[in-house]
Amino acid sequence: MSLKIDIRKLGLFNKMAKEGGNTVADHLSQMTGMETEMEITKINFIDIPDIKTHVGHAEQIGISIEMVEPPHGHILFLLEAGSAKELSHGMIGDMGETDPNASGFTDMERSAIQEIGNIMTSGFIDGWANVLDTTIDIGPPSFIFGPGSGMVDDLVGDRESDMALMFDSHVQAPDSNVDVKVYTFPQLDELVALMQQIEV
C-alpha cells in the first residue's frame, strides 16, 4: 500500500475537513433554526488504539455511515444525549411532544435525531465529493448508543492497517450546548489515489 502523496496536495486534507464540516453546519442551521458552525481541531494519521483512547469510554450517541465507493471506510458522528435532545427540539419546534428534562427520547425525538443523522452524513460526504471531484455513495446511517471507543472498534478494529486518518472536528451551536464530534476512517490508499488525480 503506497501512501506517497505530492506535498502540494496536503492542503486537500484541510479543504476536505472544512468543506465537509461547513456543509454539515449549513444543513443543520437550516433544519433546526440554530446557528451552528464547524471547528476543525485536528487532522492526524493516528494508531487505531490511540483513537479509541481519544474518543473515550463514556456512553454517547453514535451515527455512523459506510462509504460504499472509494475512498470506502466509515464516518462516525458522536454526540452527548443532551446535544441530541437540543438538536431534535430545534428541528421539531412546537410540532410535537418533547421533554428536555426526560432521560429517554420520545418517538418524535428519535425520528428527528435520525433525520439529523441523515443530514449530517450526507452533508459531510457531499463536501468531500466536491473537493475530490467525484461521487461517493453511502449506505444508510446506523444509530448506536454506547461507549465511543467500542464504536471505533466495531468500525475499524479489524483493519489490516493499524493506522487511520482522524479528522477531529466539532459542530457547535454557540448559543446552546450542542457539540458534535466527527471522526473519519477512509481507506487511506484509496483516498490517496483519489487525491493524486486532482490538479493543484
N, C-alpha and C. Protein backbone atom coordinates (compact mmCIF):
# COMPACT_ATOMS: atom_id res chain seq x y z
N MET A 1 0.86 -1.20 0.00
CA MET A 1 0.00 0.00 0.00
C MET A 1 0.88 1.24 0.00
N SER A 2 0.79 2.05 -1.04
CA SER A 2 1.59 3.27 -1.12
C SER A 2 0.76 4.45 -0.65
N LEU A 3 1.31 5.20 0.32
CA LEU A 3 0.62 6.39 0.80
C LEU A 3 1.39 7.65 0.43
N LYS A 4 2.29 7.53 -0.58
CA LYS A 4 3.04 8.70 -1.02
C LYS A 4 2.10 9.68 -1.69
N ILE A 5 2.27 10.96 -1.34
CA ILE A 5 1.41 11.98 -1.94
C ILE A 5 2.24 13.24 -2.18
N ASP A 6 1.96 13.90 -3.28
CA ASP A 6 2.63 15.15 -3.61
C ASP A 6 2.41 16.13 -2.46
N ILE A 7 3.50 16.69 -1.96
CA ILE A 7 3.38 17.57 -0.79
C ILE A 7 2.48 18.76 -1.05
N ARG A 8 2.37 19.16 -2.33
CA ARG A 8 1.50 20.30 -2.67
C ARG A 8 0.02 19.96 -2.46
N LYS A 9 -0.27 18.66 -2.33
CA LYS A 9 -1.67 18.25 -2.18
C LYS A 9 -2.08 18.05 -0.72
N LEU A 10 -1.17 18.27 0.20
CA LEU A 10 -1.52 18.05 1.61
C LEU A 10 -2.64 18.99 2.06
N GLY A 11 -2.70 20.16 1.43
CA GLY A 11 -3.77 21.10 1.78
C GLY A 11 -5.16 20.56 1.49
N LEU A 12 -5.24 19.51 0.64
CA LEU A 12 -6.55 18.93 0.34
C LEU A 12 -7.18 18.32 1.58
N PHE A 13 -6.35 17.82 2.53
CA PHE A 13 -6.90 17.28 3.77
C PHE A 13 -7.69 18.36 4.51
N ASN A 14 -7.07 19.54 4.63
CA ASN A 14 -7.75 20.65 5.30
C ASN A 14 -9.01 21.07 4.54
N LYS A 15 -8.88 21.09 3.22
CA LYS A 15 -10.02 21.52 2.40
C LYS A 15 -11.19 20.55 2.56
N MET A 16 -10.89 19.25 2.60
CA MET A 16 -11.95 18.25 2.78
C MET A 16 -12.62 18.40 4.14
N ALA A 17 -11.81 18.61 5.17
CA ALA A 17 -12.37 18.77 6.51
C ALA A 17 -13.27 19.99 6.58
N LYS A 18 -12.80 21.10 6.01
CA LYS A 18 -13.57 22.34 6.09
C LYS A 18 -14.84 22.27 5.25
N GLU A 19 -14.69 21.73 4.03
CA GLU A 19 -15.84 21.66 3.12
C GLU A 19 -16.92 20.75 3.70
N GLY A 20 -16.49 19.58 4.20
CA GLY A 20 -17.45 18.65 4.80
C GLY A 20 -18.11 19.25 6.02
N GLY A 21 -17.30 19.86 6.88
CA GLY A 21 -17.85 20.43 8.11
C GLY A 21 -18.78 21.60 7.87
N ASN A 22 -18.40 22.48 6.96
CA ASN A 22 -19.24 23.64 6.69
C ASN A 22 -20.57 23.24 6.06
N THR A 23 -20.55 22.21 5.22
CA THR A 23 -21.80 21.72 4.62
C THR A 23 -22.72 21.18 5.70
N VAL A 24 -22.16 20.44 6.65
CA VAL A 24 -22.97 19.92 7.77
C VAL A 24 -23.56 21.07 8.57
N ALA A 25 -22.73 22.06 8.91
CA ALA A 25 -23.20 23.18 9.73
C ALA A 25 -24.31 23.94 9.01
N ASP A 26 -24.15 24.17 7.70
CA ASP A 26 -25.19 24.88 6.93
C ASP A 26 -26.51 24.11 6.94
N HIS A 27 -26.43 22.80 6.71
CA HIS A 27 -27.65 21.99 6.66
C HIS A 27 -28.33 21.95 8.04
N LEU A 28 -27.54 21.82 9.09
CA LEU A 28 -28.13 21.79 10.43
C LEU A 28 -28.79 23.11 10.77
N SER A 29 -28.16 24.21 10.41
CA SER A 29 -28.73 25.53 10.68
C SER A 29 -30.09 25.67 10.01
N GLN A 30 -30.17 25.19 8.76
CA GLN A 30 -31.43 25.29 8.02
C GLN A 30 -32.51 24.43 8.66
N MET A 31 -32.16 23.23 9.12
CA MET A 31 -33.16 22.29 9.62
C MET A 31 -33.60 22.56 11.05
N THR A 32 -32.69 23.10 11.87
CA THR A 32 -33.01 23.26 13.29
C THR A 32 -33.27 24.71 13.68
N GLY A 33 -32.90 25.64 12.81
CA GLY A 33 -33.05 27.05 13.17
C GLY A 33 -31.96 27.53 14.12
N MET A 34 -31.03 26.64 14.49
CA MET A 34 -29.91 27.03 15.36
C MET A 34 -28.74 27.49 14.50
N GLU A 35 -28.05 28.50 14.98
CA GLU A 35 -26.83 28.92 14.30
C GLU A 35 -25.72 27.94 14.67
N THR A 36 -25.22 27.19 13.71
CA THR A 36 -24.17 26.22 14.00
C THR A 36 -22.93 26.53 13.18
N GLU A 37 -21.78 26.16 13.71
CA GLU A 37 -20.53 26.39 13.00
C GLU A 37 -19.62 25.18 13.19
N MET A 38 -18.66 25.04 12.29
CA MET A 38 -17.76 23.91 12.33
C MET A 38 -16.38 24.36 12.76
N GLU A 39 -15.79 23.62 13.66
CA GLU A 39 -14.42 23.90 14.08
C GLU A 39 -13.60 22.62 13.85
N ILE A 40 -12.55 22.74 13.07
CA ILE A 40 -11.65 21.62 12.82
C ILE A 40 -10.50 21.72 13.82
N THR A 41 -10.40 20.78 14.72
CA THR A 41 -9.39 20.89 15.76
C THR A 41 -8.14 20.08 15.45
N LYS A 42 -8.26 19.03 14.66
CA LYS A 42 -7.09 18.19 14.47
C LYS A 42 -7.29 17.28 13.25
N ILE A 43 -6.25 17.14 12.45
CA ILE A 43 -6.23 16.14 11.38
C ILE A 43 -4.96 15.34 11.58
N ASN A 44 -5.11 14.07 11.84
CA ASN A 44 -3.96 13.24 12.21
C ASN A 44 -4.01 11.87 11.55
N PHE A 45 -2.85 11.35 11.21
CA PHE A 45 -2.72 9.93 10.98
C PHE A 45 -2.38 9.33 12.33
N ILE A 46 -3.19 8.42 12.78
CA ILE A 46 -3.07 8.02 14.18
C ILE A 46 -3.34 6.52 14.33
N ASP A 47 -2.70 5.91 15.30
CA ASP A 47 -2.94 4.49 15.57
C ASP A 47 -4.37 4.30 16.07
N ILE A 48 -5.02 3.24 15.59
CA ILE A 48 -6.41 3.00 15.97
C ILE A 48 -6.59 2.88 17.50
N PRO A 49 -5.70 2.19 18.23
CA PRO A 49 -5.86 2.16 19.69
C PRO A 49 -5.84 3.56 20.32
N ASP A 50 -5.05 4.47 19.73
CA ASP A 50 -4.99 5.83 20.26
C ASP A 50 -6.29 6.59 19.98
N ILE A 51 -6.92 6.29 18.85
CA ILE A 51 -8.22 6.91 18.56
C ILE A 51 -9.24 6.48 19.60
N LYS A 52 -9.20 5.19 19.95
CA LYS A 52 -10.17 4.69 20.95
C LYS A 52 -9.95 5.38 22.30
N THR A 53 -8.71 5.61 22.64
CA THR A 53 -8.41 6.32 23.89
C THR A 53 -8.91 7.76 23.81
N HIS A 54 -8.69 8.39 22.65
CA HIS A 54 -9.11 9.79 22.45
C HIS A 54 -10.63 9.92 22.55
N VAL A 55 -11.33 8.99 21.93
CA VAL A 55 -12.80 9.04 21.93
C VAL A 55 -13.34 8.78 23.34
N GLY A 56 -12.69 7.87 24.06
CA GLY A 56 -13.09 7.61 25.45
C GLY A 56 -14.15 6.53 25.56
N HIS A 57 -14.44 6.16 26.80
CA HIS A 57 -15.35 5.05 27.07
C HIS A 57 -16.73 5.51 27.54
N ALA A 58 -16.94 6.81 27.60
CA ALA A 58 -18.25 7.31 28.05
C ALA A 58 -19.33 6.93 27.04
N GLU A 59 -20.55 6.69 27.54
CA GLU A 59 -21.65 6.33 26.64
C GLU A 59 -22.11 7.58 25.88
N GLN A 60 -22.25 7.42 24.59
CA GLN A 60 -22.65 8.52 23.72
C GLN A 60 -23.59 7.99 22.65
N ILE A 61 -24.18 8.92 21.93
CA ILE A 61 -24.97 8.55 20.75
C ILE A 61 -24.03 8.62 19.56
N GLY A 62 -23.98 7.55 18.79
CA GLY A 62 -23.15 7.50 17.60
C GLY A 62 -24.00 7.34 16.35
N ILE A 63 -23.62 8.04 15.30
CA ILE A 63 -24.25 7.90 13.99
C ILE A 63 -23.13 7.58 13.03
N SER A 64 -23.18 6.39 12.43
CA SER A 64 -22.10 6.01 11.51
C SER A 64 -22.67 5.72 10.14
N ILE A 65 -21.83 5.96 9.13
CA ILE A 65 -22.19 5.58 7.76
C ILE A 65 -21.00 4.90 7.12
N GLU A 66 -21.31 4.05 6.17
CA GLU A 66 -20.27 3.39 5.39
C GLU A 66 -20.22 4.00 4.00
N MET A 67 -19.02 4.34 3.54
CA MET A 67 -18.85 4.78 2.16
C MET A 67 -18.72 3.53 1.30
N VAL A 68 -19.61 3.38 0.33
CA VAL A 68 -19.62 2.16 -0.48
C VAL A 68 -18.94 2.36 -1.83
N GLU A 69 -18.30 3.51 -1.99
CA GLU A 69 -17.44 3.79 -3.15
C GLU A 69 -16.13 4.35 -2.61
N PRO A 70 -15.07 4.36 -3.42
CA PRO A 70 -13.81 4.95 -2.95
C PRO A 70 -14.05 6.36 -2.40
N PRO A 71 -13.47 6.70 -1.25
CA PRO A 71 -12.38 6.00 -0.58
C PRO A 71 -12.84 4.95 0.45
N HIS A 72 -14.02 4.42 0.32
CA HIS A 72 -14.53 3.41 1.25
C HIS A 72 -14.21 3.76 2.71
N GLY A 73 -14.72 2.97 3.61
CA GLY A 73 -14.47 3.25 5.03
C GLY A 73 -15.71 3.78 5.72
N HIS A 74 -15.53 4.44 6.85
CA HIS A 74 -16.66 4.88 7.67
C HIS A 74 -16.46 6.31 8.17
N ILE A 75 -17.58 6.94 8.47
CA ILE A 75 -17.58 8.23 9.16
C ILE A 75 -18.45 8.07 10.40
N LEU A 76 -17.98 8.62 11.51
CA LEU A 76 -18.67 8.47 12.79
C LEU A 76 -18.90 9.84 13.41
N PHE A 77 -20.16 10.14 13.69
CA PHE A 77 -20.52 11.34 14.44
C PHE A 77 -20.85 10.91 15.87
N LEU A 78 -20.30 11.61 16.84
CA LEU A 78 -20.57 11.31 18.24
C LEU A 78 -21.17 12.53 18.92
N LEU A 79 -22.23 12.32 19.69
CA LEU A 79 -22.81 13.43 20.43
C LEU A 79 -23.38 12.93 21.75
N GLU A 80 -23.33 13.81 22.74
CA GLU A 80 -23.93 13.51 24.03
C GLU A 80 -25.44 13.51 23.90
N ALA A 81 -26.10 12.83 24.81
CA ALA A 81 -27.57 12.78 24.78
C ALA A 81 -28.17 14.20 24.82
N GLY A 82 -27.57 15.07 25.64
CA GLY A 82 -28.09 16.45 25.76
C GLY A 82 -28.01 17.20 24.44
N SER A 83 -26.91 17.02 23.70
CA SER A 83 -26.77 17.67 22.39
C SER A 83 -27.82 17.13 21.41
N ALA A 84 -28.04 15.81 21.46
CA ALA A 84 -29.04 15.20 20.57
C ALA A 84 -30.42 15.76 20.87
N LYS A 85 -30.73 15.92 22.16
CA LYS A 85 -32.04 16.47 22.53
C LYS A 85 -32.21 17.90 22.02
N GLU A 86 -31.17 18.71 22.22
CA GLU A 86 -31.26 20.11 21.78
C GLU A 86 -31.46 20.20 20.28
N LEU A 87 -30.71 19.40 19.53
CA LEU A 87 -30.87 19.43 18.08
C LEU A 87 -32.27 18.96 17.67
N SER A 88 -32.76 17.90 18.32
CA SER A 88 -34.08 17.39 17.95
C SER A 88 -35.16 18.41 18.27
N HIS A 89 -35.01 19.13 19.40
CA HIS A 89 -36.01 20.14 19.75
C HIS A 89 -35.98 21.30 18.76
N GLY A 90 -34.77 21.66 18.30
CA GLY A 90 -34.68 22.72 17.32
C GLY A 90 -35.39 22.34 16.03
N MET A 91 -35.35 21.07 15.70
CA MET A 91 -35.98 20.61 14.46
C MET A 91 -37.49 20.45 14.62
N ILE A 92 -37.91 19.93 15.78
CA ILE A 92 -39.34 19.66 16.00
C ILE A 92 -40.10 20.95 16.29
N GLY A 93 -39.47 21.86 17.06
CA GLY A 93 -40.15 23.09 17.44
C GLY A 93 -41.38 22.79 18.26
N ASP A 94 -42.49 23.41 17.91
CA ASP A 94 -43.74 23.23 18.66
C ASP A 94 -44.63 22.15 18.04
N MET A 95 -44.07 21.37 17.14
CA MET A 95 -44.92 20.42 16.39
C MET A 95 -45.27 19.17 17.17
N GLY A 96 -44.49 18.86 18.20
CA GLY A 96 -44.74 17.58 18.86
C GLY A 96 -44.34 17.58 20.31
N GLU A 97 -44.54 16.45 20.94
CA GLU A 97 -44.23 16.32 22.36
C GLU A 97 -42.74 16.12 22.56
N THR A 98 -42.16 17.01 23.34
CA THR A 98 -40.76 16.86 23.72
C THR A 98 -40.63 17.24 25.19
N ASP A 99 -39.71 16.60 25.84
CA ASP A 99 -39.44 16.92 27.23
C ASP A 99 -37.92 17.02 27.40
N PRO A 100 -37.39 18.27 27.44
CA PRO A 100 -35.95 18.44 27.51
C PRO A 100 -35.32 17.79 28.73
N ASN A 101 -36.11 17.60 29.79
CA ASN A 101 -35.55 17.08 31.04
C ASN A 101 -35.72 15.57 31.20
N ALA A 102 -36.45 14.94 30.28
CA ALA A 102 -36.64 13.49 30.38
C ALA A 102 -35.34 12.78 30.03
N SER A 103 -35.13 11.62 30.64
CA SER A 103 -33.86 10.92 30.41
C SER A 103 -33.87 10.17 29.08
N GLY A 104 -35.01 9.71 28.64
CA GLY A 104 -35.09 8.98 27.37
C GLY A 104 -35.50 9.90 26.23
N PHE A 105 -35.82 9.28 25.10
CA PHE A 105 -36.23 10.04 23.93
C PHE A 105 -37.62 9.60 23.50
N THR A 106 -38.47 10.56 23.14
CA THR A 106 -39.78 10.23 22.59
C THR A 106 -39.59 9.72 21.17
N ASP A 107 -40.64 9.09 20.62
CA ASP A 107 -40.56 8.60 19.24
C ASP A 107 -40.27 9.75 18.28
N MET A 108 -40.87 10.92 18.54
CA MET A 108 -40.66 12.06 17.65
C MET A 108 -39.22 12.56 17.75
N GLU A 109 -38.67 12.54 18.97
CA GLU A 109 -37.28 12.95 19.14
C GLU A 109 -36.35 11.98 18.41
N ARG A 110 -36.63 10.69 18.55
CA ARG A 110 -35.80 9.69 17.87
C ARG A 110 -35.85 9.90 16.35
N SER A 111 -37.05 10.15 15.85
CA SER A 111 -37.21 10.38 14.41
C SER A 111 -36.43 11.61 13.97
N ALA A 112 -36.48 12.67 14.79
CA ALA A 112 -35.75 13.90 14.46
C ALA A 112 -34.24 13.65 14.47
N ILE A 113 -33.76 12.89 15.45
CA ILE A 113 -32.32 12.59 15.53
C ILE A 113 -31.90 11.78 14.31
N GLN A 114 -32.76 10.85 13.89
CA GLN A 114 -32.44 10.06 12.71
C GLN A 114 -32.33 10.95 11.47
N GLU A 115 -33.25 11.89 11.35
CA GLU A 115 -33.22 12.80 10.21
C GLU A 115 -31.98 13.69 10.27
N ILE A 116 -31.63 14.14 11.47
CA ILE A 116 -30.42 14.94 11.65
C ILE A 116 -29.19 14.12 11.25
N GLY A 117 -29.21 12.82 11.60
CA GLY A 117 -28.12 11.94 11.18
C GLY A 117 -28.00 11.87 9.68
N ASN A 118 -29.14 11.77 9.00
CA ASN A 118 -29.14 11.75 7.53
C ASN A 118 -28.52 13.04 6.97
N ILE A 119 -28.94 14.18 7.57
CA ILE A 119 -28.46 15.48 7.10
C ILE A 119 -26.95 15.59 7.29
N MET A 120 -26.48 15.20 8.47
CA MET A 120 -25.06 15.35 8.77
C MET A 120 -24.20 14.45 7.89
N THR A 121 -24.62 13.18 7.76
CA THR A 121 -23.78 12.25 6.99
C THR A 121 -23.75 12.60 5.51
N SER A 122 -24.92 12.91 4.95
CA SER A 122 -24.94 13.24 3.51
C SER A 122 -24.22 14.56 3.26
N GLY A 123 -24.37 15.52 4.18
CA GLY A 123 -23.70 16.81 4.02
C GLY A 123 -22.19 16.68 4.04
N PHE A 124 -21.70 15.87 4.97
CA PHE A 124 -20.26 15.70 5.10
C PHE A 124 -19.68 15.05 3.84
N ILE A 125 -20.35 14.01 3.36
CA ILE A 125 -19.87 13.32 2.15
C ILE A 125 -19.98 14.21 0.92
N ASP A 126 -21.03 15.03 0.84
CA ASP A 126 -21.14 15.97 -0.29
C ASP A 126 -19.93 16.90 -0.32
N GLY A 127 -19.53 17.37 0.87
CA GLY A 127 -18.37 18.25 0.94
C GLY A 127 -17.11 17.56 0.46
N TRP A 128 -16.91 16.31 0.88
CA TRP A 128 -15.75 15.53 0.44
C TRP A 128 -15.78 15.32 -1.07
N ALA A 129 -16.94 14.94 -1.58
CA ALA A 129 -17.06 14.65 -3.02
C ALA A 129 -16.74 15.89 -3.85
N ASN A 130 -17.15 17.07 -3.37
CA ASN A 130 -16.85 18.31 -4.09
C ASN A 130 -15.34 18.53 -4.20
N VAL A 131 -14.64 18.32 -3.09
CA VAL A 131 -13.18 18.53 -3.09
C VAL A 131 -12.48 17.50 -3.97
N LEU A 132 -12.93 16.25 -3.88
CA LEU A 132 -12.28 15.17 -4.63
C LEU A 132 -12.78 15.06 -6.06
N ASP A 133 -13.77 15.89 -6.41
CA ASP A 133 -14.33 15.91 -7.76
C ASP A 133 -14.80 14.52 -8.19
N THR A 134 -15.62 13.93 -7.31
CA THR A 134 -16.12 12.59 -7.59
C THR A 134 -17.50 12.45 -6.95
N THR A 135 -18.09 11.28 -7.05
CA THR A 135 -19.30 10.97 -6.30
C THR A 135 -18.94 9.87 -5.30
N ILE A 136 -19.56 9.92 -4.14
CA ILE A 136 -19.30 8.90 -3.11
C ILE A 136 -20.65 8.43 -2.59
N ASP A 137 -21.03 7.23 -2.98
CA ASP A 137 -22.28 6.66 -2.48
C ASP A 137 -22.09 6.18 -1.05
N ILE A 138 -23.15 6.31 -0.25
CA ILE A 138 -23.07 5.90 1.15
C ILE A 138 -24.25 4.99 1.48
N GLY A 139 -24.07 4.16 2.49
CA GLY A 139 -25.15 3.34 2.99
C GLY A 139 -26.02 4.15 3.95
N PRO A 140 -27.09 3.55 4.47
CA PRO A 140 -27.94 4.27 5.42
C PRO A 140 -27.21 4.45 6.75
N PRO A 141 -27.52 5.55 7.47
CA PRO A 141 -26.85 5.74 8.75
C PRO A 141 -27.28 4.69 9.78
N SER A 142 -26.33 4.29 10.61
CA SER A 142 -26.62 3.40 11.74
C SER A 142 -26.54 4.20 13.03
N PHE A 143 -27.46 3.93 13.94
CA PHE A 143 -27.50 4.65 15.21
C PHE A 143 -27.13 3.69 16.33
N ILE A 144 -26.19 4.14 17.16
CA ILE A 144 -25.67 3.29 18.23
C ILE A 144 -25.66 4.10 19.51
N PHE A 145 -25.89 3.44 20.63
CA PHE A 145 -25.70 4.10 21.93
C PHE A 145 -24.77 3.23 22.75
N GLY A 146 -23.68 3.81 23.22
CA GLY A 146 -22.73 3.03 24.00
C GLY A 146 -21.41 3.75 24.09
N PRO A 147 -20.37 3.06 24.57
CA PRO A 147 -19.05 3.68 24.68
C PRO A 147 -18.48 4.04 23.30
N GLY A 148 -17.98 5.26 23.17
CA GLY A 148 -17.42 5.69 21.89
C GLY A 148 -16.29 4.81 21.42
N SER A 149 -15.44 4.35 22.35
CA SER A 149 -14.31 3.51 21.97
C SER A 149 -14.78 2.20 21.36
N GLY A 150 -15.90 1.67 21.86
CA GLY A 150 -16.46 0.44 21.30
C GLY A 150 -16.94 0.63 19.88
N MET A 151 -17.50 1.82 19.59
CA MET A 151 -17.97 2.10 18.23
C MET A 151 -16.79 2.12 17.27
N VAL A 152 -15.70 2.77 17.68
CA VAL A 152 -14.50 2.81 16.82
C VAL A 152 -14.00 1.39 16.56
N ASP A 153 -13.99 0.59 17.60
CA ASP A 153 -13.52 -0.79 17.47
C ASP A 153 -14.39 -1.57 16.48
N ASP A 154 -15.71 -1.37 16.58
CA ASP A 154 -16.63 -2.06 15.67
C ASP A 154 -16.42 -1.64 14.22
N LEU A 155 -16.09 -0.35 14.01
CA LEU A 155 -15.96 0.16 12.64
C LEU A 155 -14.62 -0.19 12.01
N VAL A 156 -13.55 -0.10 12.78
CA VAL A 156 -12.22 -0.23 12.16
C VAL A 156 -11.29 -1.19 12.90
N GLY A 157 -11.78 -1.87 13.91
CA GLY A 157 -10.91 -2.72 14.72
C GLY A 157 -10.32 -3.90 13.99
N ASP A 158 -10.96 -4.31 12.87
CA ASP A 158 -10.44 -5.49 12.17
C ASP A 158 -9.62 -5.13 10.93
N ARG A 159 -9.20 -3.88 10.83
CA ARG A 159 -8.42 -3.47 9.67
C ARG A 159 -7.03 -4.10 9.68
N GLU A 160 -6.54 -4.38 8.48
CA GLU A 160 -5.17 -4.89 8.38
C GLU A 160 -4.18 -3.80 8.77
N SER A 161 -4.52 -2.55 8.42
CA SER A 161 -3.65 -1.43 8.78
C SER A 161 -3.96 -0.99 10.21
N ASP A 162 -2.93 -0.61 10.94
CA ASP A 162 -3.12 -0.12 12.30
C ASP A 162 -3.37 1.38 12.34
N MET A 163 -3.31 2.02 11.16
CA MET A 163 -3.43 3.48 11.11
C MET A 163 -4.77 3.89 10.50
N ALA A 164 -5.24 5.02 10.94
CA ALA A 164 -6.44 5.61 10.34
C ALA A 164 -6.22 7.11 10.26
N LEU A 165 -6.98 7.75 9.41
CA LEU A 165 -6.94 9.20 9.30
C LEU A 165 -8.04 9.76 10.18
N MET A 166 -7.68 10.58 11.13
CA MET A 166 -8.68 11.12 12.05
C MET A 166 -8.87 12.61 11.79
N PHE A 167 -10.06 12.97 11.36
CA PHE A 167 -10.47 14.37 11.32
C PHE A 167 -11.23 14.61 12.62
N ASP A 168 -10.64 15.32 13.52
CA ASP A 168 -11.32 15.60 14.79
C ASP A 168 -11.98 16.97 14.65
N SER A 169 -13.26 16.96 14.35
CA SER A 169 -13.99 18.19 14.05
C SER A 169 -15.17 18.32 15.00
N HIS A 170 -15.59 19.54 15.24
CA HIS A 170 -16.72 19.79 16.13
C HIS A 170 -17.74 20.67 15.42
N VAL A 171 -19.00 20.24 15.43
CA VAL A 171 -20.08 21.12 15.03
C VAL A 171 -20.64 21.71 16.31
N GLN A 172 -20.61 23.03 16.41
CA GLN A 172 -21.06 23.67 17.64
C GLN A 172 -22.13 24.70 17.34
N ALA A 173 -23.05 24.84 18.28
CA ALA A 173 -24.05 25.90 18.24
C ALA A 173 -23.72 26.84 19.39
N PRO A 174 -23.14 28.01 19.10
CA PRO A 174 -22.63 28.88 20.17
C PRO A 174 -23.67 29.26 21.21
N ASP A 175 -24.94 29.34 20.82
CA ASP A 175 -25.98 29.77 21.76
C ASP A 175 -26.61 28.59 22.51
N SER A 176 -26.05 27.41 22.37
CA SER A 176 -26.60 26.25 23.08
C SER A 176 -25.43 25.34 23.47
N ASN A 177 -25.76 24.17 24.00
CA ASN A 177 -24.71 23.24 24.43
C ASN A 177 -24.46 22.13 23.41
N VAL A 178 -24.84 22.38 22.17
CA VAL A 178 -24.69 21.36 21.13
C VAL A 178 -23.22 21.22 20.75
N ASP A 179 -22.73 20.01 20.75
CA ASP A 179 -21.36 19.72 20.34
C ASP A 179 -21.35 18.33 19.71
N VAL A 180 -21.03 18.28 18.42
CA VAL A 180 -20.97 17.02 17.69
C VAL A 180 -19.54 16.81 17.22
N LYS A 181 -18.97 15.65 17.52
CA LYS A 181 -17.62 15.33 17.07
C LYS A 181 -17.70 14.42 15.85
N VAL A 182 -16.78 14.62 14.92
CA VAL A 182 -16.78 13.86 13.67
C VAL A 182 -15.43 13.15 13.52
N TYR A 183 -15.50 11.85 13.30
CA TYR A 183 -14.28 11.07 13.06
C TYR A 183 -14.44 10.33 11.74
N THR A 184 -13.40 10.34 10.92
CA THR A 184 -13.50 9.70 9.62
C THR A 184 -12.43 8.62 9.49
N PHE A 185 -12.81 7.51 8.88
CA PHE A 185 -11.90 6.38 8.74
C PHE A 185 -11.92 5.87 7.30
N PRO A 186 -11.41 6.69 6.35
CA PRO A 186 -11.37 6.22 4.96
C PRO A 186 -10.25 5.19 4.78
N GLN A 187 -10.36 4.42 3.71
CA GLN A 187 -9.25 3.55 3.31
C GLN A 187 -8.15 4.46 2.76
N LEU A 188 -7.03 4.50 3.43
CA LEU A 188 -6.02 5.52 3.13
C LEU A 188 -5.47 5.40 1.71
N ASP A 189 -5.24 4.17 1.24
CA ASP A 189 -4.67 4.02 -0.10
C ASP A 189 -5.64 4.54 -1.16
N GLU A 190 -6.94 4.30 -0.97
CA GLU A 190 -7.94 4.77 -1.94
C GLU A 190 -8.07 6.29 -1.89
N LEU A 191 -8.01 6.84 -0.68
CA LEU A 191 -8.10 8.30 -0.54
C LEU A 191 -6.91 8.98 -1.23
N VAL A 192 -5.72 8.44 -1.01
CA VAL A 192 -4.53 8.99 -1.64
C VAL A 192 -4.64 8.89 -3.17
N ALA A 193 -5.14 7.76 -3.67
CA ALA A 193 -5.30 7.60 -5.12
C ALA A 193 -6.23 8.65 -5.69
N LEU A 194 -7.32 8.95 -5.00
CA LEU A 194 -8.25 10.00 -5.45
C LEU A 194 -7.57 11.36 -5.44
N MET A 195 -6.80 11.63 -4.39
CA MET A 195 -6.13 12.93 -4.27
C MET A 195 -5.06 13.10 -5.33
N GLN A 196 -4.42 12.00 -5.72
CA GLN A 196 -3.36 12.08 -6.74
C GLN A 196 -3.91 12.53 -8.09
N GLN A 197 -5.22 12.30 -8.30
CA GLN A 197 -5.81 12.64 -9.59
C GLN A 197 -6.18 14.12 -9.69
N ILE A 198 -6.10 14.82 -8.58
CA ILE A 198 -6.55 16.22 -8.55
C ILE A 198 -5.40 17.16 -8.89
N GLU A 199 -5.66 18.09 -9.79
CA GLU A 199 -4.64 19.09 -10.13
C GLU A 199 -4.61 20.16 -9.05
N VAL A 200 -3.40 20.56 -8.64
CA VAL A 200 -3.27 21.65 -7.65
C VAL A 200 -2.42 22.76 -8.22
